[in-house]
Amino acid sequence: MSLAKKYKWHKVAEKLADIGFAANGMAEVMVDNKKVCIVLYNEVLMACSQKCPHAGGVMAHGYIDVLGNIVCPLHQYKFNLQNGKNVSGEGYYLKIWPVEMREDGIYVAADKNKFF
C-alpha cells in the first residue's frame, strides 16, 4: 500500500528552523491536535510518540544514543527510530510515523484510520 493511501499528512512547520529543536536534536510538534516528538538525527527527520510506552516519560527530554536509538529520560529504555521496537528486550513499542521535508514545509504522516 502506498504512503498516500495509508496516511494523512499534517504540516508541522514551514521550514526546519521553525521547529525549535533542543540541543538533543528533538522537539515536540502538534499533529492532529496531539503532541508528537520529532527528531533530527544525522540530517534525517523522524517522528515518534511524545510519551514512552513504559512509564510515560517525555521522549523529547531524552537523547539519541550513538546507535541512533531514542532513549527515554525516565528509565533509559531505548527504542529503534526505524521500527519503534524496544532494543533492550522489554517488549515495548514506540509509535513511529513517517516525516517528509517538502518545498512547502515539513509534514508528519498519521494513519488515516487511527493516529494515536
C-alpha atoms as a PDB file:
ATOM      1  CA  MET A   1       0.000   0.000   0.000  1.00  0.00           C
ATOM      2  CA  SER A   2       1.378   3.410  -0.917  1.00  0.00           C
ATOM      3  CA  LEU A   3       2.027   6.054   1.730  1.00  0.00           C
ATOM      4  CA  ALA A   4      -0.559   8.307   0.065  1.00  0.00           C
ATOM      5  CA  LYS A   5      -3.321   5.739   0.587  1.00  0.00           C
ATOM      6  CA  LYS A   6      -2.358   4.694   4.089  1.00  0.00           C
ATOM      7  CA  TYR A   7      -1.582   8.098   5.630  1.00  0.00           C
ATOM      8  CA  LYS A   8      -2.963  11.566   6.007  1.00  0.00           C
ATOM      9  CA  TRP A   9      -0.152  14.136   6.011  1.00  0.00           C
ATOM     10  CA  HIS A  10      -0.092  17.002   8.519  1.00  0.00           C
ATOM     11  CA  LYS A  11       2.042  20.097   8.047  1.00  0.00           C
ATOM     12  CA  VAL A  12       4.004  20.825  11.242  1.00  0.00           C
ATOM     13  CA  ALA A  13       6.289  23.655  10.106  1.00  0.00           C
ATOM     14  CA  GLU A  14       7.152  25.878   7.164  1.00  0.00           C
ATOM     15  CA  LYS A  15      10.859  25.100   7.487  1.00  0.00           C
ATOM     16  CA  LEU A  16      13.261  23.189   9.723  1.00  0.00           C
ATOM     17  CA  ALA A  17      14.259  26.309  11.682  1.00  0.00           C
ATOM     18  CA  ASP A  18      10.619  26.802  12.750  1.00  0.00           C
ATOM     19  CA  ILE A  19      10.558  23.557  14.738  1.00  0.00           C
ATOM     20  CA  GLY A  20      12.804  24.770  17.549  1.00  0.00           C
ATOM     21  CA  PHE A  21      14.959  21.715  18.157  1.00  0.00           C
ATOM     22  CA  ALA A  22      16.675  21.489  21.546  1.00  0.00           C
ATOM     23  CA  ALA A  23      20.391  20.698  21.835  1.00  0.00           C
ATOM     24  CA  ASN A  24      19.478  16.980  21.878  1.00  0.00           C
ATOM     25  CA  GLY A  25      18.039  17.254  18.341  1.00  0.00           C
ATOM     26  CA  MET A  26      14.443  16.755  19.484  1.00  0.00           C
ATOM     27  CA  ALA A  27      11.314  18.863  19.775  1.00  0.00           C
ATOM     28  CA  GLU A  28       7.591  18.491  20.286  1.00  0.00           C
ATOM     29  CA  VAL A  29       5.192  19.441  17.496  1.00  0.00           C
ATOM     30  CA  MET A  30       1.422  19.299  17.203  1.00  0.00           C
ATOM     31  CA  VAL A  31      -0.066  16.764  14.788  1.00  0.00           C
ATOM     32  CA  ASP A  32      -3.836  16.470  14.582  1.00  0.00           C
ATOM     33  CA  ASN A  33      -4.105  18.262  17.981  1.00  0.00           C
ATOM     34  CA  LYS A  34      -1.707  15.783  19.623  1.00  0.00           C
ATOM     35  CA  LYS A  35       1.898  16.286  20.711  1.00  0.00           C
ATOM     36  CA  VAL A  36       4.473  14.268  18.803  1.00  0.00           C
ATOM     37  CA  CYS A  37       8.237  14.048  19.299  1.00  0.00           C
ATOM     38  CA  ILE A  38      10.164  14.997  16.177  1.00  0.00           C
ATOM     39  CA  VAL A  39      13.833  14.066  15.896  1.00  0.00           C
ATOM     40  CA  LEU A  40      16.612  15.381  13.688  1.00  0.00           C
ATOM     41  CA  TYR A  41      19.469  12.875  13.705  1.00  0.00           C
ATOM     42  CA  ASN A  42      22.232  12.690  11.087  1.00  0.00           C
ATOM     43  CA  GLU A  43      20.225  15.074   8.897  1.00  0.00           C
ATOM     44  CA  VAL A  44      17.209  12.705   8.891  1.00  0.00           C
ATOM     45  CA  LEU A  45      13.831  13.679  10.340  1.00  0.00           C
ATOM     46  CA  MET A  46      11.798  11.104  12.268  1.00  0.00           C
ATOM     47  CA  ALA A  47       8.664  11.289  14.402  1.00  0.00           C
ATOM     48  CA  CYS A  48       7.511   9.181  17.340  1.00  0.00           C
ATOM     49  CA  SER A  49       5.106   9.194  20.248  1.00  0.00           C
ATOM     50  CA  GLN A  50       5.595  12.035  22.665  1.00  0.00           C
ATOM     51  CA  LYS A  51       5.478   9.662  25.654  1.00  0.00           C
ATOM     52  CA  CYS A  52       7.358   6.457  26.380  1.00  0.00           C
ATOM     53  CA  PRO A  53       5.054   3.403  26.373  1.00  0.00           C
ATOM     54  CA  HIS A  54       6.717   2.114  29.558  1.00  0.00           C
ATOM     55  CA  ALA A  55       6.164   4.894  32.110  1.00  0.00           C
ATOM     56  CA  GLY A  56       5.130   7.974  30.151  1.00  0.00           C
ATOM     57  CA  GLY A  57       8.458   9.797  30.036  1.00  0.00           C
ATOM     58  CA  VAL A  58       8.550  12.699  27.594  1.00  0.00           C
ATOM     59  CA  MET A  59      10.706  11.388  24.755  1.00  0.00           C
ATOM     60  CA  ALA A  60      11.826  14.874  23.648  1.00  0.00           C
ATOM     61  CA  HIS A  61      13.526  15.226  27.042  1.00  0.00           C
ATOM     62  CA  GLY A  62      15.637  12.134  26.416  1.00  0.00           C
ATOM     63  CA  TYR A  63      18.505  11.751  23.989  1.00  0.00           C
ATOM     64  CA  ILE A  64      19.709   9.838  20.948  1.00  0.00           C
ATOM     65  CA  ASP A  65      22.402   7.242  21.694  1.00  0.00           C
ATOM     66  CA  VAL A  66      25.436   6.505  19.492  1.00  0.00           C
ATOM     67  CA  LEU A  67      23.459   3.842  17.577  1.00  0.00           C
ATOM     68  CA  GLY A  68      20.645   6.271  16.730  1.00  0.00           C
ATOM     69  CA  ASN A  69      18.127   4.928  19.250  1.00  0.00           C
ATOM     70  CA  ILE A  70      15.891   7.336  21.139  1.00  0.00           C
ATOM     71  CA  VAL A  71      16.317   6.957  24.903  1.00  0.00           C
ATOM     72  CA  CYS A  72      13.582   7.722  27.433  1.00  0.00           C
ATOM     73  CA  PRO A  73      14.692  10.165  30.152  1.00  0.00           C
ATOM     74  CA  LEU A  74      12.966   8.238  32.986  1.00  0.00           C
ATOM     75  CA  HIS A  75      14.339   4.684  32.856  1.00  0.00           C
ATOM     76  CA  GLN A  76      16.631   4.830  29.798  1.00  0.00           C
ATOM     77  CA  TYR A  77      14.505   2.463  27.731  1.00  0.00           C
ATOM     78  CA  LYS A  78      15.849   2.571  24.170  1.00  0.00           C
ATOM     79  CA  PHE A  79      13.778   2.442  21.012  1.00  0.00           C
ATOM     80  CA  ASN A  80      14.773   1.982  17.374  1.00  0.00           C
ATOM     81  CA  LEU A  81      13.510   5.025  15.453  1.00  0.00           C
ATOM     82  CA  GLN A  82      13.062   2.993  12.265  1.00  0.00           C
ATOM     83  CA  ASN A  83      10.588   0.446  13.632  1.00  0.00           C
ATOM     84  CA  GLY A  84       9.705   1.558  17.184  1.00  0.00           C
ATOM     85  CA  LYS A  85      10.953  -1.661  18.822  1.00  0.00           C
ATOM     86  CA  ASN A  86      12.394  -1.504  22.317  1.00  0.00           C
ATOM     87  CA  VAL A  87      16.015  -2.582  21.734  1.00  0.00           C
ATOM     88  CA  SER A  88      16.750  -3.747  25.265  1.00  0.00           C
ATOM     89  CA  GLY A  89      14.180  -6.542  25.108  1.00  0.00           C
ATOM     90  CA  GLU A  90      11.349  -5.454  27.414  1.00  0.00           C
ATOM     91  CA  GLY A  91       8.824  -5.793  24.574  1.00  0.00           C
ATOM     92  CA  TYR A  92       7.559  -2.200  24.404  1.00  0.00           C
ATOM     93  CA  TYR A  93       6.894  -0.447  21.101  1.00  0.00           C
ATOM     94  CA  LEU A  94       7.110   3.276  20.462  1.00  0.00           C
ATOM     95  CA  LYS A  95       4.768   4.545  17.750  1.00  0.00           C
ATOM     96  CA  ILE A  96       6.706   5.843  14.743  1.00  0.00           C
ATOM     97  CA  TRP A  97       5.409   7.981  11.843  1.00  0.00           C
ATOM     98  CA  PRO A  98       6.946   8.998   8.514  1.00  0.00           C
ATOM     99  CA  VAL A  99       8.204  12.561   8.076  1.00  0.00           C
ATOM    100  CA  GLU A 100       8.719  14.388   4.793  1.00  0.00           C
ATOM    101  CA  MET A 101      10.508  17.641   4.017  1.00  0.00           C
ATOM    102  CA  ARG A 102       8.743  19.206   1.047  1.00  0.00           C
ATOM    103  CA  GLU A 103       9.181  22.514  -0.764  1.00  0.00           C
ATOM    104  CA  ASP A 104       6.230  23.990   1.136  1.00  0.00           C
ATOM    105  CA  GLY A 105       7.073  22.629   4.590  1.00  0.00           C
ATOM    106  CA  ILE A 106       7.615  19.682   6.903  1.00  0.00           C
ATOM    107  CA  TYR A 107       4.933  17.026   7.187  1.00  0.00           C
ATOM    108  CA  VAL A 108       4.244  14.132   9.565  1.00  0.00           C
ATOM    109  CA  ALA A 109       2.030  11.293   8.404  1.00  0.00           C
ATOM    110  CA  ALA A 110      -0.776   9.903  10.518  1.00  0.00           C
ATOM    111  CA  ASP A 111      -2.583   6.648   9.843  1.00  0.00           C
ATOM    112  CA  LYS A 112      -5.912   7.511   8.197  1.00  0.00           C
ATOM    113  CA  ASN A 113      -7.775   5.110  10.458  1.00  0.00           C
ATOM    114  CA  LYS A 114      -6.196   5.890  13.824  1.00  0.00           C
ATOM    115  CA  PHE A 115      -3.336   8.165  14.770  1.00  0.00           C
ATOM    116  CA  PHE A 116      -2.941   7.507  18.485  1.00  0.00           C
END
